[in-house]
Structure formats: structure tokens, C-alpha cells
Amino acid sequence: MELLFLILIFAGIFSIYDAIRKLNSNLLEQTEEIKKMREELMRNNTK
């Protein structure tokens, strides 16, 4: 019974870790896209 609880706790911790990793990855991608859009807007405004 204790082994089952340990496995469930480990699976829960891993799920939380995976969700945070995916969220962080998405935030980094969005940040890069915003930087590209900002640079493109700055180039278009100077023309």
C-alpha cells in the first residue's frame, strides 16, 4: 500500500514539473515572437 502511495506522489510531482516546464517553454516562445514583432515594427516606423 505504501508503494502505491509513493508511486502516486511521484507521478503527481512529475506531472506538476512537466506542466511548469511546458508553461515556461511557451512563455519563452511568446517572448521571442514579441521581440521579433517589436523589431519589425521599429523597422517599419523608420521607413
C-alpha atoms as a PDB file:
ATOM      1  CA  MET A   1       0.000   0.000   0.000  1.00  0.00           C
ATOM      2  CA  GLU A   2       2.841   2.369   0.830  1.00  0.00           C
ATOM      3  CA  LEU A   3       4.436   1.644  -2.526  1.00  0.00           C
ATOM      4  CA  LEU A   4       1.222   2.682  -4.288  1.00  0.00           C
ATOM      5  CA  PHE A   5       1.181   5.987  -2.417  1.00  0.00           C
ATOM      6  CA  LEU A   6       4.831   6.617  -3.268  1.00  0.00           C
ATOM      7  CA  ILE A   7       4.174   5.938  -6.937  1.00  0.00           C
ATOM      8  CA  LEU A   8       1.154   8.262  -6.927  1.00  0.00           C
ATOM      9  CA  ILE A   9       3.108  11.030  -5.183  1.00  0.00           C
ATOM     10  CA  PHE A  10       5.982  10.646  -7.654  1.00  0.00           C
ATOM     11  CA  ALA A  11       3.559  10.755 -10.603  1.00  0.00           C
ATOM     12  CA  GLY A  12       1.918  13.885  -9.174  1.00  0.00           C
ATOM     13  CA  ILE A  13       5.234  15.659  -8.688  1.00  0.00           C
ATOM     14  CA  PHE A  14       6.360  14.696 -12.182  1.00  0.00           C
ATOM     15  CA  SER A  15       3.067  15.967 -13.656  1.00  0.00           C
ATOM     16  CA  ILE A  16       3.488  19.324 -11.927  1.00  0.00           C
ATOM     17  CA  TYR A  17       7.104  19.545 -13.103  1.00  0.00           C
ATOM     18  CA  ASP A  18       6.094  18.744 -16.686  1.00  0.00           C
ATOM     19  CA  ALA A  19       3.284  21.332 -16.658  1.00  0.00           C
ATOM     20  CA  ILE A  20       5.649  24.041 -15.368  1.00  0.00           C
ATOM     21  CA  ARG A  21       8.259  23.101 -17.989  1.00  0.00           C
ATOM     22  CA  LYS A  22       5.698  23.368 -20.800  1.00  0.00           C
ATOM     23  CA  LEU A  23       4.427  26.694 -19.477  1.00  0.00           C
ATOM     24  CA  ASN A  24       7.964  28.061 -19.289  1.00  0.00           C
ATOM     25  CA  SER A  25       8.673  26.906 -22.829  1.00  0.00           C
ATOM     26  CA  ASN A  26       5.526  28.618 -24.110  1.00  0.00           C
ATOM     27  CA  LEU A  27       6.442  31.848 -22.323  1.00  0.00           C
ATOM     28  CA  LEU A  28       9.913  31.816 -23.875  1.00  0.00           C
ATOM     29  CA  GLU A  29       8.457  31.265 -27.349  1.00  0.00           C
ATOM     30  CA  GLN A  30       5.988  34.126 -26.893  1.00  0.00           C
ATOM     31  CA  THR A  31       8.747  36.414 -25.656  1.00  0.00           C
ATOM     32  CA  GLU A  32      10.815  35.691 -28.755  1.00  0.00           C
ATOM     33  CA  GLU A  33       7.808  36.352 -31.004  1.00  0.00           C
ATOM     34  CA  ILE A  34       7.165  39.677 -29.261  1.00  0.00           C
ATOM     35  CA  LYS A  35      10.809  40.676 -29.735  1.00  0.00           C
ATOM     36  CA  LYS A  36      10.603  39.867 -33.462  1.00  0.00           C
ATOM     37  CA  MET A  37       7.359  41.821 -33.848  1.00  0.00           C
ATOM     38  CA  ARG A  38       8.812  44.809 -31.977  1.00  0.00           C
ATOM     39  CA  GLU A  39      11.907  44.832 -34.210  1.00  0.00           C
ATOM     40  CA  GLU A  40       9.756  44.608 -37.333  1.00  0.00           C
ATOM     41  CA  LEU A  41       7.557  47.480 -36.144  1.00  0.00           C
ATOM     42  CA  MET A  42      10.600  49.611 -35.395  1.00  0.00           C
ATOM     43  CA  ARG A  43      11.976  48.943 -38.885  1.00  0.00           C
ATOM     44  CA  ASN A  44       8.643  49.833 -40.490  1.00  0.00           C
ATOM     45  CA  ASN A  45       8.293  53.053 -38.483  1.00  0.00           C
ATOM     46  CA  THR A  46      11.695  54.340 -39.538  1.00  0.00           C
ATOM     47  CA  LYS A  47      10.874  53.984 -43.243  1.00  0.00           C
END
